[in-house]
Amino acid sequence: MTAFRIGTPPRVLDAVLHAPASVPTAAAVVCHPHPEYGGTMENPVVVTTATALAARGVAALRFAFGRPFTGGPGELDDADAACDALRARVPDGTPLVLVGYSFGAWVALALSDRRRDVARVLAIAPPLDLLPWTPAASGCPVACVAGDRDPWCAPARLDALVGAGGGRVVARALAGADHFLAGREDDAVRTLLALLPS
């Protein structure tokens, strides 16, 4: 792992790169949960995800959202800066993947509407009951995982997202898990990565 800073003042962001052992097959920016509710880039789901991606050959960059917290626009800009920083550290042409957990999943989904170089979005427990998102007609493939007891990402919301995706969205419900996935981090990440093409 390599720690460094990205972005420009006043939003200079701490970041950590999990580099694979060989030339990366993809480059993933991993977005953390809501900062005002304790979300950080050290969240167990975020760290587990970045570590698993690196083991799979993907360069994974996790970063800390900047201050002040804006509830969306500033965090989208932060994730955008993280994408540019990661792109500068991998070979040209490396596919870009956006990954997020909770609020970070919503950021990843929303940013995929803005960046046309995103190859795929991986969303863990996107809070669709609080922050709705509808796939764009020209958007990239999306894979989602959420607990079937998640009060902010109800199974019906996941089903509706899949239905609205025109075949581009796949989702799995994690039996017995809630939004916080305590003790289920490995299960969530394993389920999510199983949705990816081999």
Protein backbone atom coordinates (compact mmCIF):
# COMPACT_ATOMS: atom_id res chain seq x y z
CA MET A 1 0.00 0.00 0.00
CA THR A 2 1.15 3.52 -0.79
CA ALA A 3 -0.24 6.58 0.99
CA PHE A 4 -0.23 10.01 -0.67
CA ARG A 5 -2.39 13.10 -1.20
CA ILE A 6 -4.52 14.06 -4.16
CA GLY A 7 -6.71 16.94 -5.25
CA THR A 8 -6.10 20.68 -5.04
CA PRO A 9 -6.62 23.22 -2.24
CA PRO A 10 -8.90 23.63 -0.43
CA ARG A 11 -9.90 19.97 -0.97
CA VAL A 12 -6.63 18.08 -0.60
CA LEU A 13 -7.46 14.45 0.09
CA ASP A 14 -5.65 11.60 1.81
CA ALA A 15 -5.45 8.50 -0.36
CA VAL A 16 -4.07 4.96 -0.24
CA LEU A 17 -3.26 2.88 -3.31
CA HIS A 18 -3.51 -0.92 -3.15
CA ALA A 19 -1.36 -2.04 -6.07
CA PRO A 20 -1.60 -5.54 -7.53
CA ALA A 21 1.47 -7.74 -7.90
CA SER A 22 1.51 -7.32 -11.69
CA VAL A 23 0.28 -4.89 -14.34
CA PRO A 24 -3.29 -4.00 -13.32
CA THR A 25 -6.19 -5.39 -15.30
CA ALA A 26 -8.34 -2.46 -14.14
CA ALA A 27 -8.18 0.60 -11.88
CA ALA A 28 -10.81 1.08 -9.16
CA VAL A 29 -11.64 4.14 -7.08
CA VAL A 30 -13.27 3.07 -3.79
CA CYS A 31 -15.59 5.60 -2.10
CA HIS A 32 -16.36 5.42 1.62
CA PRO A 33 -19.61 5.95 3.59
CA HIS A 34 -21.12 9.25 4.76
CA PRO A 35 -18.47 11.27 6.67
CA GLU A 36 -21.05 12.89 8.96
CA TYR A 37 -22.07 9.44 10.23
CA GLY A 38 -18.58 8.14 10.89
CA GLY A 39 -17.68 7.01 7.38
CA THR A 40 -13.95 7.01 6.57
CA MET A 41 -11.63 5.35 4.10
CA GLU A 42 -10.62 3.02 6.97
CA ASN A 43 -14.12 1.52 7.09
CA PRO A 44 -13.80 -2.31 7.17
CA VAL A 45 -15.95 -2.78 4.06
CA VAL A 46 -13.86 -0.23 2.14
CA VAL A 47 -10.53 -1.74 3.19
CA THR A 48 -11.74 -5.30 2.53
CA THR A 49 -12.95 -4.26 -0.92
CA ALA A 50 -9.70 -2.52 -1.89
CA THR A 51 -7.63 -5.45 -0.63
CA ALA A 52 -9.75 -8.00 -2.51
CA LEU A 53 -9.59 -6.00 -5.72
CA ALA A 54 -5.78 -5.76 -5.53
CA ALA A 55 -5.58 -9.53 -4.98
CA ARG A 56 -7.65 -9.91 -8.15
CA GLY A 57 -5.20 -7.77 -10.16
CA VAL A 58 -7.00 -4.43 -9.88
CA ALA A 59 -5.24 -1.24 -8.72
CA ALA A 60 -7.56 0.07 -6.00
CA LEU A 61 -7.45 3.62 -4.66
CA ARG A 62 -9.37 4.49 -1.50
CA PHE A 63 -9.49 8.10 -0.39
CA ALA A 64 -11.00 10.40 2.24
CA PHE A 65 -13.70 12.84 1.18
CA GLY A 66 -12.68 16.46 1.73
CA ARG A 67 -14.04 19.15 4.02
CA PRO A 68 -16.45 20.78 4.24
CA PHE A 69 -18.89 17.96 3.58
CA THR A 70 -21.44 19.07 0.99
CA GLY A 71 -23.79 16.09 0.79
CA GLY A 72 -23.04 15.40 -2.85
CA PRO A 73 -21.42 18.01 -5.14
CA GLY A 74 -18.11 18.30 -3.31
CA GLU A 75 -17.87 14.56 -2.84
CA LEU A 76 -18.49 13.97 -6.55
CA ASP A 77 -15.63 16.37 -7.27
CA ASP A 78 -13.45 14.49 -4.76
CA ALA A 79 -14.16 11.15 -6.43
CA ASP A 80 -13.52 12.76 -9.82
CA ALA A 81 -10.10 13.94 -8.57
CA ALA A 82 -9.41 10.44 -7.25
CA CYS A 83 -10.16 8.99 -10.70
CA ASP A 84 -7.71 11.40 -12.33
CA ALA A 85 -5.04 10.63 -9.71
CA LEU A 86 -5.45 6.89 -10.21
CA ARG A 87 -5.42 7.20 -13.99
CA ALA A 88 -2.03 8.95 -13.70
CA ARG A 89 -0.67 5.92 -11.81
CA VAL A 90 -1.75 3.11 -14.15
CA PRO A 91 -0.98 2.38 -17.80
CA ASP A 92 -2.99 4.23 -20.44
CA GLY A 93 -6.08 2.33 -21.45
CA THR A 94 -6.56 0.59 -18.09
CA PRO A 95 -10.35 0.24 -17.55
CA LEU A 96 -11.73 2.50 -14.81
CA VAL A 97 -14.11 1.07 -12.21
CA LEU A 98 -16.03 3.05 -9.58
CA VAL A 99 -16.72 1.27 -6.30
CA GLY A 100 -18.52 2.48 -3.20
CA TYR A 101 -20.16 1.49 0.04
CA SER A 102 -23.30 3.21 1.37
CA PHE A 103 -23.10 6.94 0.56
CA GLY A 104 -19.91 6.11 -1.34
CA ALA A 105 -21.94 3.75 -3.55
CA TRP A 106 -24.30 6.60 -4.41
CA VAL A 107 -21.28 8.79 -5.25
CA ALA A 108 -19.92 6.06 -7.53
CA LEU A 109 -23.28 5.67 -9.28
CA ALA A 110 -23.77 9.42 -9.69
CA LEU A 111 -20.22 9.97 -10.94
CA SER A 112 -20.69 7.29 -13.58
CA ASP A 113 -23.29 9.60 -15.15
CA ARG A 114 -20.66 12.34 -15.38
CA ARG A 115 -17.58 10.42 -16.51
CA ARG A 116 -17.80 8.62 -19.81
CA ASP A 117 -14.58 6.66 -19.18
CA VAL A 118 -16.13 4.51 -16.44
CA ALA A 119 -16.24 0.85 -17.49
CA ARG A 120 -18.27 -0.46 -14.54
CA VAL A 121 -19.74 0.46 -11.14
CA LEU A 122 -19.69 -1.82 -8.09
CA ALA A 123 -22.11 -0.65 -5.40
CA ILE A 124 -22.33 -2.08 -1.89
CA ALA A 125 -25.46 -1.15 0.06
CA PRO A 126 -26.33 1.93 -2.02
CA PRO A 127 -28.81 3.97 0.09
CA LEU A 128 -31.45 4.03 -2.64
CA ASP A 129 -34.29 4.70 -0.21
CA LEU A 130 -32.57 7.96 0.82
CA LEU A 131 -30.67 8.93 -2.33
CA PRO A 132 -32.44 7.55 -5.41
CA TRP A 133 -30.52 6.86 -8.61
CA THR A 134 -31.79 5.78 -12.01
CA PRO A 135 -29.47 4.25 -14.63
CA ALA A 136 -28.80 6.48 -17.63
CA ALA A 137 -29.75 5.03 -21.00
CA SER A 138 -26.11 5.16 -22.15
CA GLY A 139 -24.55 4.18 -18.83
CA CYS A 140 -22.07 1.44 -17.94
CA PRO A 141 -22.79 -1.96 -16.33
CA VAL A 142 -23.59 -1.88 -12.59
CA ALA A 143 -23.32 -4.63 -9.96
CA CYS A 144 -24.98 -4.14 -6.55
CA VAL A 145 -25.00 -6.06 -3.29
CA ALA A 146 -27.04 -5.18 -0.21
CA GLY A 147 -28.29 -6.95 2.89
CA ASP A 148 -31.88 -8.16 2.76
CA ARG A 149 -32.43 -6.38 6.11
CA ASP A 150 -31.02 -3.05 4.95
CA PRO A 151 -33.53 -0.29 5.84
CA TRP A 152 -31.96 2.13 3.35
CA CYS A 153 -31.64 -0.27 0.42
CA ALA A 154 -34.73 -2.44 0.50
CA PRO A 155 -34.79 -5.54 -1.75
CA ALA A 156 -37.67 -3.96 -3.69
CA ARG A 157 -35.44 -0.98 -4.48
CA LEU A 158 -32.74 -3.29 -5.80
CA ASP A 159 -35.31 -5.11 -7.91
CA ALA A 160 -36.55 -1.79 -9.32
CA LEU A 161 -32.97 -0.76 -10.12
CA VAL A 162 -32.38 -4.00 -11.99
CA GLY A 163 -35.64 -3.50 -13.88
CA ALA A 164 -34.70 0.05 -14.86
CA GLY A 165 -31.24 -0.97 -16.01
CA GLY A 166 -32.18 -2.54 -19.32
CA GLY A 167 -30.00 -5.56 -18.66
CA ARG A 168 -27.02 -3.52 -17.48
CA VAL A 169 -27.70 -3.84 -13.73
CA VAL A 170 -27.27 -7.00 -11.67
CA ALA A 171 -27.93 -7.25 -7.95
CA ARG A 172 -27.80 -9.73 -5.09
CA ALA A 173 -29.33 -9.56 -1.64
CA LEU A 174 -27.14 -10.81 1.21
CA ALA A 175 -29.31 -12.94 3.48
CA GLY A 176 -29.52 -11.80 7.09
CA ALA A 177 -27.33 -8.71 6.63
CA ASP A 178 -28.24 -5.10 7.41
CA HIS A 179 -26.78 -1.86 6.08
CA PHE A 180 -23.68 -1.95 8.27
CA LEU A 181 -22.57 -5.46 7.24
CA ALA A 182 -20.81 -5.99 10.58
CA GLY A 183 -18.98 -9.30 10.40
CA ARG A 184 -20.23 -9.79 6.85
CA GLU A 185 -17.62 -7.66 5.03
CA ASP A 186 -16.00 -10.67 3.36
CA ASP A 187 -19.38 -12.10 2.36
CA ALA A 188 -20.45 -8.81 0.79
CA VAL A 189 -17.23 -8.35 -1.18
CA ARG A 190 -17.13 -12.00 -2.28
CA THR A 191 -20.74 -11.78 -3.47
CA LEU A 192 -20.04 -8.54 -5.32
CA LEU A 193 -16.93 -9.80 -7.08
CA ALA A 194 -18.76 -12.98 -8.10
CA LEU A 195 -21.03 -10.75 -10.21
CA LEU A 196 -18.09 -9.62 -12.35
CA PRO A 197 -17.20 -11.27 -15.65
CA SER A 198 -14.42 -13.82 -15.21
